[in-house]
Protein backbone atom coordinates (compact mmCIF):
# COMPACT_ATOMS: atom_id res chain seq x y z
CA MET A 1 8.77 -41.91 -8.86
CA THR A 2 11.89 -40.17 -10.03
CA LEU A 3 10.64 -36.83 -10.81
CA ALA A 4 8.15 -34.64 -8.73
CA VAL A 5 6.19 -31.24 -9.58
CA LEU A 6 5.17 -28.88 -6.61
CA THR A 7 3.99 -25.54 -7.17
CA SER A 8 4.99 -22.27 -5.22
CA ARG A 9 4.99 -18.83 -5.27
CA ALA A 10 7.81 -16.20 -6.02
CA LEU A 11 7.45 -12.15 -5.21
CA ALA A 12 7.65 -9.62 -8.15
CA GLY A 13 7.08 -6.38 -6.46
CA MET A 14 3.00 -6.75 -5.14
CA ASP A 15 3.04 -9.73 -7.33
CA ALA A 16 3.11 -13.32 -6.67
CA PRO A 17 3.52 -15.24 -9.72
CA ALA A 18 3.41 -19.01 -9.65
CA VAL A 19 6.70 -21.27 -9.82
CA ARG A 20 7.28 -24.53 -10.43
CA VAL A 21 9.35 -26.68 -8.44
CA GLU A 22 10.42 -29.53 -10.06
CA THR A 23 12.90 -32.52 -8.11
CA HIS A 24 14.74 -35.18 -10.24
CA LEU A 25 16.50 -37.84 -8.73
CA ALA A 26 18.93 -39.78 -10.82
CA THR A 27 21.85 -42.32 -10.81
CA GLY A 28 25.13 -41.08 -10.31
CA LEU A 29 27.72 -39.78 -8.00
CA PRO A 30 25.89 -37.49 -5.15
CA ALA A 31 25.16 -34.16 -5.87
CA PHE A 32 22.38 -31.58 -5.03
CA THR A 33 22.04 -28.80 -7.99
CA VAL A 34 19.36 -26.12 -7.71
CA VAL A 35 18.45 -24.00 -11.43
CA GLY A 36 16.43 -21.37 -12.33
CA LEU A 37 17.82 -18.42 -11.65
CA ALA A 38 18.13 -18.80 -7.86
CA ASP A 39 19.70 -16.24 -5.50
CA VAL A 40 21.90 -17.20 -2.75
CA GLU A 41 18.92 -17.97 0.01
CA VAL A 42 17.71 -20.54 -2.40
CA ARG A 43 20.93 -22.07 -3.27
CA GLU A 44 21.65 -22.31 0.33
CA SER A 45 18.32 -24.10 0.82
CA ARG A 46 20.46 -27.28 -0.48
CA GLU A 47 22.01 -27.86 3.16
CA ARG A 48 18.62 -27.04 5.51
CA VAL A 49 16.82 -29.16 2.97
CA ARG A 50 19.15 -31.83 3.73
CA ALA A 51 19.47 -31.14 7.75
CA ALA A 52 15.69 -30.69 7.74
CA ILE A 53 14.81 -34.41 6.25
CA LEU A 54 17.64 -36.18 8.35
CA ASN A 55 16.02 -34.59 11.14
CA SER A 56 12.72 -35.26 10.18
CA GLY A 57 13.47 -38.87 10.67
CA TYR A 58 13.61 -39.61 6.74
CA GLU A 59 16.68 -40.58 4.64
CA PHE A 60 18.59 -38.49 2.48
CA PRO A 61 19.25 -40.33 -0.97
CA ALA A 62 22.11 -40.99 -2.94
CA GLY A 63 22.14 -39.80 -5.97
CA ARG A 64 22.17 -36.42 -8.29
CA ILE A 65 19.41 -34.52 -7.62
CA THR A 66 18.30 -31.63 -9.60
CA VAL A 67 15.74 -29.02 -8.53
CA ASN A 68 14.47 -26.46 -11.03
CA LEU A 69 12.57 -23.60 -10.19
CA SER A 70 10.29 -22.58 -13.39
CA PRO A 71 10.46 -20.40 -14.96
CA ALA A 72 13.62 -19.66 -15.41
CA ASP A 73 13.84 -16.52 -16.14
CA LEU A 74 12.05 -15.13 -12.86
CA ARG A 75 14.58 -14.06 -10.06
CA LYS A 76 13.84 -16.37 -6.63
CA GLU A 77 15.04 -15.30 -3.87
CA SER A 78 14.42 -15.91 -0.07
CA GLY A 79 13.69 -19.34 1.92
CA ARG A 80 10.01 -19.82 0.76
CA PHE A 81 11.06 -22.91 -1.53
CA ASP A 82 12.50 -24.98 1.52
CA LEU A 83 9.57 -26.86 2.05
CA PRO A 84 8.38 -28.01 -1.84
CA MET A 85 12.09 -28.46 -2.30
CA ALA A 86 11.71 -31.16 0.65
CA LEU A 87 8.91 -32.88 0.03
CA GLY A 88 10.18 -32.95 -3.64
CA VAL A 89 12.96 -34.83 -2.59
CA LEU A 90 10.96 -37.10 -0.47
CA LEU A 91 8.56 -37.71 -3.10
CA ALA A 92 11.20 -38.44 -6.05
CA SER A 93 12.72 -40.71 -3.96
CA GLY A 94 10.04 -42.80 -3.47
CA GLN A 95 9.69 -42.24 0.67
CA VAL A 96 6.30 -40.57 0.42
CA ALA A 97 3.71 -42.21 -1.59
CA MET A 98 0.90 -39.91 -2.60
CA PRO A 99 -2.86 -41.43 -2.49
CA ALA A 100 -4.35 -42.18 -6.07
CA SER A 101 -6.64 -39.61 -5.93
CA ARG A 102 -7.71 -36.55 -3.59
CA GLY A 103 -11.31 -35.52 -3.59
CA THR A 104 -13.76 -36.57 -5.83
CA ASP A 105 -12.42 -34.56 -9.48
CA GLY A 106 -9.82 -37.91 -9.32
CA GLY A 107 -6.81 -36.01 -10.63
CA ASP A 108 -3.50 -35.29 -9.75
CA PRO A 109 -4.08 -34.75 -6.04
CA LEU A 110 -1.28 -31.83 -5.98
CA ALA A 111 -2.31 -30.31 -8.77
CA ARG A 112 -4.33 -27.78 -6.35
CA LEU A 113 -1.55 -27.40 -3.71
CA VAL A 114 0.71 -24.24 -3.19
CA MET A 115 2.83 -24.46 -0.84
CA ALA A 116 5.65 -22.12 0.91
CA GLY A 117 7.87 -21.93 4.31
CA GLU A 118 11.68 -21.89 4.99
CA LEU A 119 13.07 -25.18 7.26
CA SER A 120 14.69 -24.89 10.45
CA LEU A 121 17.46 -27.89 10.78
CA THR A 122 14.86 -29.45 12.66
CA GLY A 123 12.16 -29.84 10.57
CA ALA A 124 9.87 -27.37 12.05
CA LEU A 125 8.66 -24.29 9.73
CA VAL A 126 9.65 -20.89 9.85
CA PRO A 127 7.40 -18.14 8.94
CA VAL A 128 7.88 -16.64 5.50
CA ALA A 129 7.39 -13.11 4.25
CA ALA A 130 4.63 -11.53 2.69
CA PRO A 131 2.24 -13.80 2.87
CA LEU A 132 -0.81 -11.85 2.05
CA ALA A 133 0.82 -10.95 -1.35
CA ILE A 134 1.25 -14.76 -1.59
CA ALA A 135 -2.00 -15.40 -1.06
CA LEU A 136 -3.77 -12.10 -3.03
CA GLY A 137 -1.71 -13.75 -6.06
CA THR A 138 -3.26 -17.40 -5.30
CA ALA A 139 -6.92 -16.67 -4.96
CA ARG A 140 -6.73 -14.57 -7.83
CA ASP A 141 -5.39 -17.10 -10.22
CA HIS A 142 -6.89 -19.96 -9.10
CA PRO A 143 -9.57 -19.55 -6.68
CA ASP A 144 -9.73 -23.15 -6.11
CA ALA A 145 -6.25 -23.77 -4.97
CA GLU A 146 -5.47 -24.42 -1.18
CA LEU A 147 -2.22 -22.94 0.61
CA ILE A 148 0.10 -24.48 3.11
CA LEU A 149 2.08 -22.20 4.72
CA PRO A 150 3.93 -21.91 8.50
CA ALA A 151 1.15 -21.25 11.05
CA VAL A 152 1.83 -17.97 11.85
CA SER A 153 2.06 -17.11 7.99
CA ALA A 154 -1.45 -19.39 7.52
CA ALA A 155 -2.83 -16.77 9.99
CA GLN A 156 -2.53 -13.93 7.85
CA ALA A 157 -3.01 -15.46 4.46
CA ALA A 158 -6.53 -16.59 6.00
CA HIS A 159 -7.65 -13.14 5.85
CA VAL A 160 -8.05 -13.33 2.03
CA PRO A 161 -11.67 -14.66 1.67
CA GLY A 162 -12.28 -17.89 -0.39
CA LEU A 163 -9.27 -19.42 0.21
CA ARG A 164 -8.32 -22.57 2.08
CA VAL A 165 -5.24 -22.10 3.82
CA TRP A 166 -3.62 -24.78 6.06
CA ALA A 167 -1.26 -24.40 8.74
CA ALA A 168 1.88 -26.29 9.52
CA ARG A 169 4.58 -26.44 12.16
CA THR A 170 7.06 -29.30 10.41
CA LEU A 171 7.77 -31.19 7.49
CA THR A 172 6.68 -34.14 8.87
CA GLU A 173 2.50 -32.83 9.48
CA VAL A 174 2.55 -31.43 5.79
CA VAL A 175 3.95 -35.08 4.64
CA SER A 176 0.99 -36.67 6.88
CA HIS A 177 -1.47 -34.09 5.62
CA LEU A 178 -0.07 -35.37 1.75
CA THR A 179 -0.35 -38.98 2.95
CA ARG A 180 -3.57 -38.83 3.97
CA ALA A 181 -2.38 -40.25 7.25
CA ALA A 182 -3.73 -36.93 9.52
CA SER A 183 -4.96 -33.43 8.38
CA LEU A 184 -3.42 -30.27 9.44
CA ALA A 185 -5.55 -27.49 10.87
CA GLN A 186 -7.29 -25.34 8.62
CA ALA A 187 -6.08 -21.86 9.55
CA ARG A 188 -8.06 -18.90 11.13
CA PRO A 189 -7.76 -15.65 10.33
CA ALA A 190 -5.59 -13.69 13.08
CA PRO A 191 -7.46 -10.76 14.90
CA TRP A 192 -6.81 -7.47 13.26
CA PRO A 193 -5.40 -5.55 15.77
CA GLU A 194 -7.05 -2.71 17.85
CA PRO A 195 -5.75 0.86 15.93
CA PRO A 196 -4.14 3.16 18.00
CA PRO A 197 -6.59 5.98 19.58
CA GLN A 198 -6.28 9.06 16.87
CA PRO A 199 -6.22 12.46 17.89
CA CYS A 200 -9.21 14.49 18.23
CA LEU A 201 -9.74 17.92 15.89
CA THR A 202 -11.14 19.32 19.47
CA ASP A 203 -7.70 20.46 20.23
CA VAL A 204 -7.33 22.81 17.20
CA ARG A 205 -8.96 25.90 18.53
CA GLY A 206 -9.38 28.38 16.06
CA GLN A 207 -8.11 27.83 12.18
CA GLY A 208 -11.65 27.98 10.77
CA GLY A 209 -10.73 28.04 7.47
CA ALA A 210 -8.16 25.36 7.71
CA ARG A 211 -10.37 22.86 9.47
CA ARG A 212 -13.29 23.33 6.26
CA ALA A 213 -10.05 22.40 3.74
CA LEU A 214 -9.66 19.43 5.71
CA GLU A 215 -12.96 18.34 5.75
CA LEU A 216 -13.15 19.08 1.98
CA ALA A 217 -9.79 17.09 1.69
CA ALA A 218 -11.39 14.25 3.54
CA ALA A 219 -14.40 13.59 2.17
CA GLY A 220 -13.32 13.53 -1.45
CA GLY A 221 -9.80 12.40 -1.06
CA HIS A 222 -8.35 15.69 -2.27
CA SER A 223 -4.95 16.78 -1.92
CA LEU A 224 -4.06 19.40 0.59
CA LEU A 225 -1.29 22.11 0.85
CA MET A 226 -1.21 24.22 4.14
CA VAL A 227 1.14 27.21 4.31
CA GLY A 228 1.67 28.84 7.41
CA PRO A 229 4.16 30.25 10.15
CA PRO A 230 5.19 28.01 12.74
CA GLY A 231 2.86 27.16 15.00
CA ALA A 232 -0.20 28.06 13.33
CA GLY A 233 -1.29 23.91 13.66
CA LYS A 234 -0.41 22.39 10.14
CA SER A 235 1.35 19.20 11.44
CA MET A 236 -1.91 18.85 14.17
CA LEU A 237 -4.10 19.24 11.55
CA ALA A 238 -2.68 16.70 9.16
CA GLN A 239 -2.05 14.16 11.99
CA ARG A 240 -6.10 14.42 12.77
CA LEU A 241 -6.81 13.88 8.96
CA PRO A 242 -6.83 10.08 9.47
CA GLY A 243 -9.49 10.12 12.61
CA ILE A 244 -12.13 11.52 10.10
CA LEU A 245 -11.34 9.41 7.33
CA PRO A 246 -13.48 6.60 6.58
CA PRO A 247 -12.40 3.18 7.50
CA LEU A 248 -10.78 0.69 5.15
CA ALA A 249 -12.79 -1.99 2.92
CA PRO A 250 -11.69 -5.71 3.31
CA GLU A 251 -10.20 -5.19 0.16
CA GLN A 252 -8.20 -2.31 0.69
CA ALA A 253 -6.94 -3.02 3.93
CA LEU A 254 -5.50 -6.64 2.46
CA GLU A 255 -3.84 -4.49 -0.21
CA ALA A 256 -2.50 -2.25 2.15
CA ALA A 257 -1.21 -4.75 4.82
CA ALA A 258 0.31 -7.14 1.88
CA ILE A 259 2.36 -3.86 1.11
CA ALA A 260 3.39 -3.66 5.15
CA SER A 261 4.38 -7.21 5.11
CA LEU A 262 6.47 -6.82 1.82
CA THR A 263 8.54 -4.30 4.04
CA GLY A 264 9.14 -6.50 7.08
CA GLU A 265 6.47 -4.77 8.93
CA PRO A 266 3.18 -6.39 10.73
CA GLY A 267 1.02 -7.44 8.19
CA CYS A 268 -2.12 -6.33 9.60
CA VAL A 269 -3.18 -2.81 9.83
CA GLY A 270 -7.44 -3.20 10.16
CA GLY A 271 -9.69 -0.63 9.01
CA GLN A 272 -7.75 2.47 9.94
CA PRO A 273 -5.87 4.39 6.57
CA PRO A 274 -2.24 4.47 6.68
CA PHE A 275 -0.92 7.22 7.62
CA ARG A 276 3.03 8.02 6.55
CA ALA A 277 5.17 10.90 7.45
CA PRO A 278 8.43 10.32 6.47
CA HIS A 279 11.09 12.95 7.53
CA HIS A 280 12.74 15.85 4.78
CA THR A 281 15.51 13.95 4.69
CA ALA A 282 14.03 11.00 2.64
CA SER A 283 15.50 10.19 -1.04
CA ALA A 284 13.82 9.62 -3.86
CA SER A 285 14.53 5.96 -3.58
CA ALA A 286 12.85 6.47 0.18
CA LEU A 287 9.54 7.83 -1.23
CA VAL A 288 9.01 5.69 -4.33
CA GLY A 289 10.67 2.70 -3.23
CA GLY A 290 13.79 1.13 -5.37
CA GLY A 291 17.16 -0.68 -3.97
CA ALA A 292 19.14 -3.66 -5.81
CA ARG A 293 15.88 -5.70 -5.23
CA PRO A 294 12.77 -2.98 -5.36
CA ARG A 295 10.88 -2.65 -2.03
CA PRO A 296 7.86 -0.40 -1.58
CA GLY A 297 8.67 3.32 -0.64
CA GLU A 298 6.95 5.69 1.36
CA ILE A 299 4.10 6.29 -0.92
CA SER A 300 3.48 2.87 -1.75
CA ARG A 301 3.01 1.84 2.39
CA ALA A 302 0.47 5.10 2.24
CA HIS A 303 -1.54 3.13 -0.35
CA HIS A 304 -5.43 3.69 0.69
CA GLY A 305 -4.13 6.19 3.26
CA VAL A 306 -2.14 9.22 3.81
CA LEU A 307 1.27 10.92 2.79
CA PHE A 308 2.23 14.01 4.53
CA LEU A 309 5.03 15.46 3.68
CA ASP A 310 5.98 18.18 6.52
CA GLU A 311 8.46 21.15 5.49
CA LEU A 312 7.63 20.44 1.57
CA PRO A 313 10.43 22.65 0.29
CA GLU A 314 13.58 21.21 2.37
CA PHE A 315 13.09 17.84 0.53
CA GLY A 316 14.97 17.14 -2.32
CA ARG A 317 13.58 18.64 -5.93
CA ARG A 318 14.28 15.21 -7.56
CA ALA A 319 12.20 13.08 -4.71
CA LEU A 320 9.18 15.65 -4.68
CA GLU A 321 9.43 15.67 -8.79
CA ALA A 322 9.25 11.48 -8.46
CA LEU A 323 5.69 11.88 -6.92
CA ARG A 324 4.01 14.04 -10.07
CA GLU A 325 3.30 10.57 -11.76
CA PRO A 326 2.11 8.55 -9.00
CA LEU A 327 -0.33 11.03 -8.02
CA GLU A 328 -1.74 10.83 -11.48
CA THR A 329 -1.69 7.14 -12.33
CA GLY A 330 -2.05 5.63 -8.96
CA ARG A 331 0.63 3.40 -9.34
CA VAL A 332 4.54 2.91 -9.00
CA SER A 333 6.92 1.59 -11.85
CA ILE A 334 10.25 0.34 -10.58
CA SER A 335 13.04 -0.84 -13.09
CA ARG A 336 16.15 -2.69 -12.49
CA ALA A 337 18.19 -4.66 -15.18
CA MET A 338 16.45 -7.97 -14.00
CA GLN A 339 13.37 -6.69 -13.99
CA THR A 340 10.48 -4.08 -13.54
CA VAL A 341 8.14 -4.35 -11.02
CA HIS A 342 5.45 -2.59 -9.88
CA TYR A 343 3.26 -1.02 -6.38
CA PRO A 344 0.30 0.59 -6.51
CA ALA A 345 0.18 3.87 -4.81
CA ARG A 346 -3.37 5.47 -4.51
CA PHE A 347 -2.60 7.55 -1.63
CA GLN A 348 -4.03 11.09 -0.39
CA PHE A 349 -1.10 13.31 -0.35
CA VAL A 350 -1.13 16.07 2.30
CA ALA A 351 1.75 18.73 2.63
CA ALA A 352 3.17 21.79 5.24
CA MET A 353 5.02 24.47 4.50
CA ASN A 354 6.68 28.00 5.80
CA PRO A 355 5.87 31.20 4.12
CA CYS A 356 9.83 31.69 3.87
CA PRO A 357 13.15 30.22 5.28
CA CYS A 358 12.24 31.81 8.45
CA GLY A 359 8.78 31.01 8.44
CA TRP A 360 7.40 34.20 9.66
CA ARG A 361 6.67 36.24 6.63
CA GLY A 362 3.70 38.33 7.03
CA HIS A 363 3.43 37.68 10.86
CA PRO A 364 2.02 40.45 12.50
CA ARG A 365 3.77 39.60 15.84
CA HIS A 366 7.53 38.33 14.55
CA ALA A 367 9.99 39.84 11.84
CA CYS A 368 10.98 37.91 9.14
CA ARG A 369 14.53 38.31 8.55
CA CYS A 370 14.03 37.07 4.83
CA SER A 371 14.59 39.25 1.75
CA ALA A 372 11.93 38.88 -1.13
CA GLU A 373 14.49 37.04 -3.20
CA GLN A 374 15.12 34.14 -0.65
CA ALA A 375 11.29 33.55 -0.17
CA ALA A 376 10.66 33.84 -3.59
CA ARG A 377 13.77 31.12 -4.17
CA TYR A 378 12.53 29.15 -1.46
CA ARG A 379 9.00 28.67 -2.45
CA ALA A 380 10.30 27.93 -6.02
CA LYS A 381 11.92 24.58 -4.38
CA VAL A 382 8.21 23.23 -5.01
CA SER A 383 7.71 23.54 -8.52
CA GLY A 384 4.89 24.59 -10.67
CA PRO A 385 3.89 21.20 -12.28
CA LEU A 386 3.84 19.51 -8.77
CA LEU A 387 1.49 22.44 -7.21
CA ASP A 388 -0.59 22.25 -9.98
CA ARG A 389 -1.40 18.72 -9.04
CA ILE A 390 -2.56 19.53 -5.51
CA ASP A 391 -6.34 20.36 -5.40
CA LEU A 392 -6.59 22.26 -2.43
CA HIS A 393 -4.02 25.18 -0.89
CA VAL A 394 -4.53 26.91 2.41
CA THR A 395 -2.70 29.61 4.17
CA LEU A 396 -3.36 29.48 7.56
CA PRO A 397 -3.20 33.23 9.66
CA PRO A 398 -1.17 32.82 12.86
CA ALA A 399 -2.09 31.78 16.10
CA GLN A 400 -3.58 34.37 18.24
CA ALA A 401 -2.18 35.15 21.23
CA ASP A 402 -4.76 34.28 23.77
CA TRP A 403 -5.64 30.81 21.73
CA MET A 404 -5.86 29.47 24.90
CA SER A 405 -9.10 31.35 25.46
CA LEU A 406 -10.63 30.03 21.95
CA PRO A 407 -13.82 27.67 22.37
CA ALA A 408 -12.62 24.07 21.64
CA GLY A 409 -13.15 22.95 17.84
CA GLU A 410 -15.75 20.45 16.66
CA PRO A 411 -14.42 16.83 17.71
CA SER A 412 -13.54 14.81 15.05
CA ALA A 413 -17.04 12.12 15.30
CA PRO A 414 -19.22 14.45 13.48
CA VAL A 415 -16.66 15.80 10.99
CA ARG A 416 -16.18 12.16 10.77
CA GLY A 417 -20.21 11.29 10.55
CA ARG A 418 -20.14 13.77 7.20
CA VAL A 419 -17.09 12.42 5.67
CA VAL A 420 -18.65 8.81 5.59
CA ALA A 421 -21.75 10.09 4.42
CA CYS A 422 -20.38 12.46 1.84
CA ARG A 423 -17.99 9.55 0.51
CA ALA A 424 -21.13 7.08 0.75
CA ARG A 425 -22.85 9.30 -1.73
CA GLN A 426 -20.05 9.24 -4.32
CA GLN A 427 -19.76 5.39 -4.12
CA ALA A 428 -22.87 5.35 -4.87
CA ARG A 429 -22.50 7.54 -7.61
CA GLN A 430 -19.56 6.91 -9.91
CA GLY A 431 -17.83 4.68 -7.26
CA GLY A 432 -15.31 6.08 -5.96
CA ALA A 433 -13.83 9.31 -4.61
CA ASN A 434 -14.28 12.65 -6.47
CA ALA A 435 -10.27 13.47 -6.44
CA ALA A 436 -10.05 10.56 -8.89
CA LEU A 437 -12.43 11.84 -11.55
CA ASP A 438 -11.37 11.47 -15.09
CA GLY A 439 -12.24 13.93 -17.83
CA SER A 440 -15.61 12.12 -19.38
CA GLN A 441 -16.76 11.41 -15.36
CA LEU A 442 -16.37 15.05 -14.86
CA GLU A 443 -18.69 15.79 -17.79
CA ARG A 444 -21.16 13.28 -16.25
CA HIS A 445 -20.97 13.92 -12.60
CA CYS A 446 -20.64 17.28 -12.12
CA PRO A 447 -23.37 19.51 -13.94
CA LEU A 448 -23.13 23.42 -13.19
CA SER A 449 -25.63 25.80 -12.88
CA ASP A 450 -25.51 28.60 -15.77
CA GLU A 451 -23.49 31.17 -12.83
CA ALA A 452 -21.13 28.35 -11.40
CA ARG A 453 -20.05 27.80 -14.93
CA THR A 454 -19.17 31.70 -15.92
CA LEU A 455 -17.90 31.84 -12.65
CA LEU A 456 -15.31 28.65 -13.29
CA ARG A 457 -14.48 30.23 -16.60
CA ASP A 458 -13.71 33.69 -15.58
CA ALA A 459 -11.67 32.65 -12.50
CA MET A 460 -9.38 30.11 -14.73
CA SER A 461 -8.97 33.17 -17.52
CA ARG A 462 -8.14 35.82 -14.91
CA ARG A 463 -5.41 33.38 -13.23
CA HIS A 464 -4.22 31.46 -16.48
CA GLY A 465 -5.21 28.63 -14.59
CA SER A 466 -4.31 25.42 -17.10
CA ALA A 467 -7.22 22.70 -17.74
CA ARG A 468 -5.63 20.48 -15.18
CA ALA A 469 -6.22 23.50 -12.44
CA ALA A 470 -9.93 24.00 -13.97
CA GLN A 471 -10.65 20.01 -13.29
CA ARG A 472 -9.35 20.10 -10.00
CA ALA A 473 -11.36 22.95 -9.00
CA LEU A 474 -14.55 21.17 -10.40
CA ARG A 475 -13.84 18.10 -8.60
CA VAL A 476 -13.61 20.35 -5.15
CA ALA A 477 -16.78 21.73 -6.35
CA ARG A 478 -18.41 18.38 -6.58
CA THR A 479 -17.49 17.73 -2.93
CA ALA A 480 -18.41 20.98 -1.54
CA ALA A 481 -21.88 20.51 -2.93
CA ASP A 482 -22.05 16.56 -1.88
CA LEU A 483 -21.50 17.88 1.64
CA GLU A 484 -24.43 20.14 1.10
CA GLY A 485 -26.22 16.85 -0.66
CA GLU A 486 -26.69 19.25 -3.69
CA ASP A 487 -26.86 17.18 -6.90
CA VAL A 488 -26.13 20.34 -9.22
CA ILE A 489 -22.67 22.31 -8.31
CA GLU A 490 -24.21 26.03 -7.43
CA ALA A 491 -21.76 29.01 -8.01
CA ARG A 492 -21.02 29.09 -4.22
CA HIS A 493 -19.51 25.50 -4.25
CA VAL A 494 -17.38 26.58 -7.19
CA ALA A 495 -16.34 30.23 -5.47
CA GLU A 496 -14.96 28.39 -2.80
CA ALA A 497 -13.26 25.82 -5.01
CA VAL A 498 -11.50 28.23 -6.92
CA GLN A 499 -10.57 29.89 -3.11
CA TYR A 500 -8.66 26.97 -2.20
CA ARG A 501 -7.45 26.28 -5.67
CA LEU A 502 -5.64 29.22 -6.37
CA ALA A 503 -4.70 30.59 -2.89
């Protein structure tokens, strides 16, 4: 044949659109041309492919070679197209002959194969970036497809259920597999790494109100803002939140791992929810994502986990305002001149701040050096609309002078047990956490007693609360009732929710 057509996958955010790698060999002066909106890394593939073919014992054909990466309006980057390009050259030049049929359907033996891999000059396959995203896209679009990847990448991609993944180490091994001279080994999932030990709530002495708010936040997936002086335990509490959260479901773990692999981090996170705590000097692009080739930011890397912003007013105003839409939609869209990419961002938002710039306002043992105007300007750095999107507001009192004599707090294990049982109740009732309940679901799943309804209406009227504030208070009240195993929301549940909501 003089034309070979293979299938690979590009990357566009979390999506992995299919790419047809069409290789045509014609007579004429020797030339090797790659077309189809290929970036520099892809155009450099010509030299890697040439050397890999020669060093694998094949001949590089003399003639005019044209490789088309279709669709032409989709940007192609990285060296993952090396493998299908090299195989296309060998097929088009007749050095590799495919069997008449493969399998029982008698169709094109290449129709179900999707391949990606960068080639070294020796013909060995180099691991590719984001194998989980490639595998998830392949399984979603073509459940019966077979994926050929370098061995290390294949071990990660094999975590996707129902997808057959072949592990290859060299170009020669792939050729032997296609010609049925020898079969590649089917990849086995790499074991999830053991999660590091989580700090325990036993270390938190006192702060009963803040501990209760943390349990409510974990049980319902609610966002949380802690305000208090230095040393009150805000950061300590936030760092212990992942230890009381339920483990990730397998599909959630795969999504979180796929996002991590897009940033160059190890692509396995296991069942432990991600915990991201960027420094307050982080820009809006660092939080939301961006760059000439858009990459996920901190809020996407916290998908299905926790995003903790310490010293909240010290973050740039533009960076904080960029959080508002993802908090509502659970998704980030990054637009560039050539493309728009989307990343999931369904995270639990936790923030901490001091009551004033010096931190000691209202402290019984430290004098505050800030004027009322300075304290007001400091708090005003966090906009009202952003605060309105936070479910739980809790004020932490200063740590007691004799805090070491206080009894140790309740360990994380029993708290986690209550949280897991509460989340299971929510999953059975509405298929998700209470924090994600929308308007129609609130009416259906949040029955109020007459006393509770009156209390909520009066509290919102006195404080001029918005409709969003009322809905968020209702979600927290639903979680408080779920922790007690109650179907109907009572006045005590609403009272607690309103107390945290309007603190």
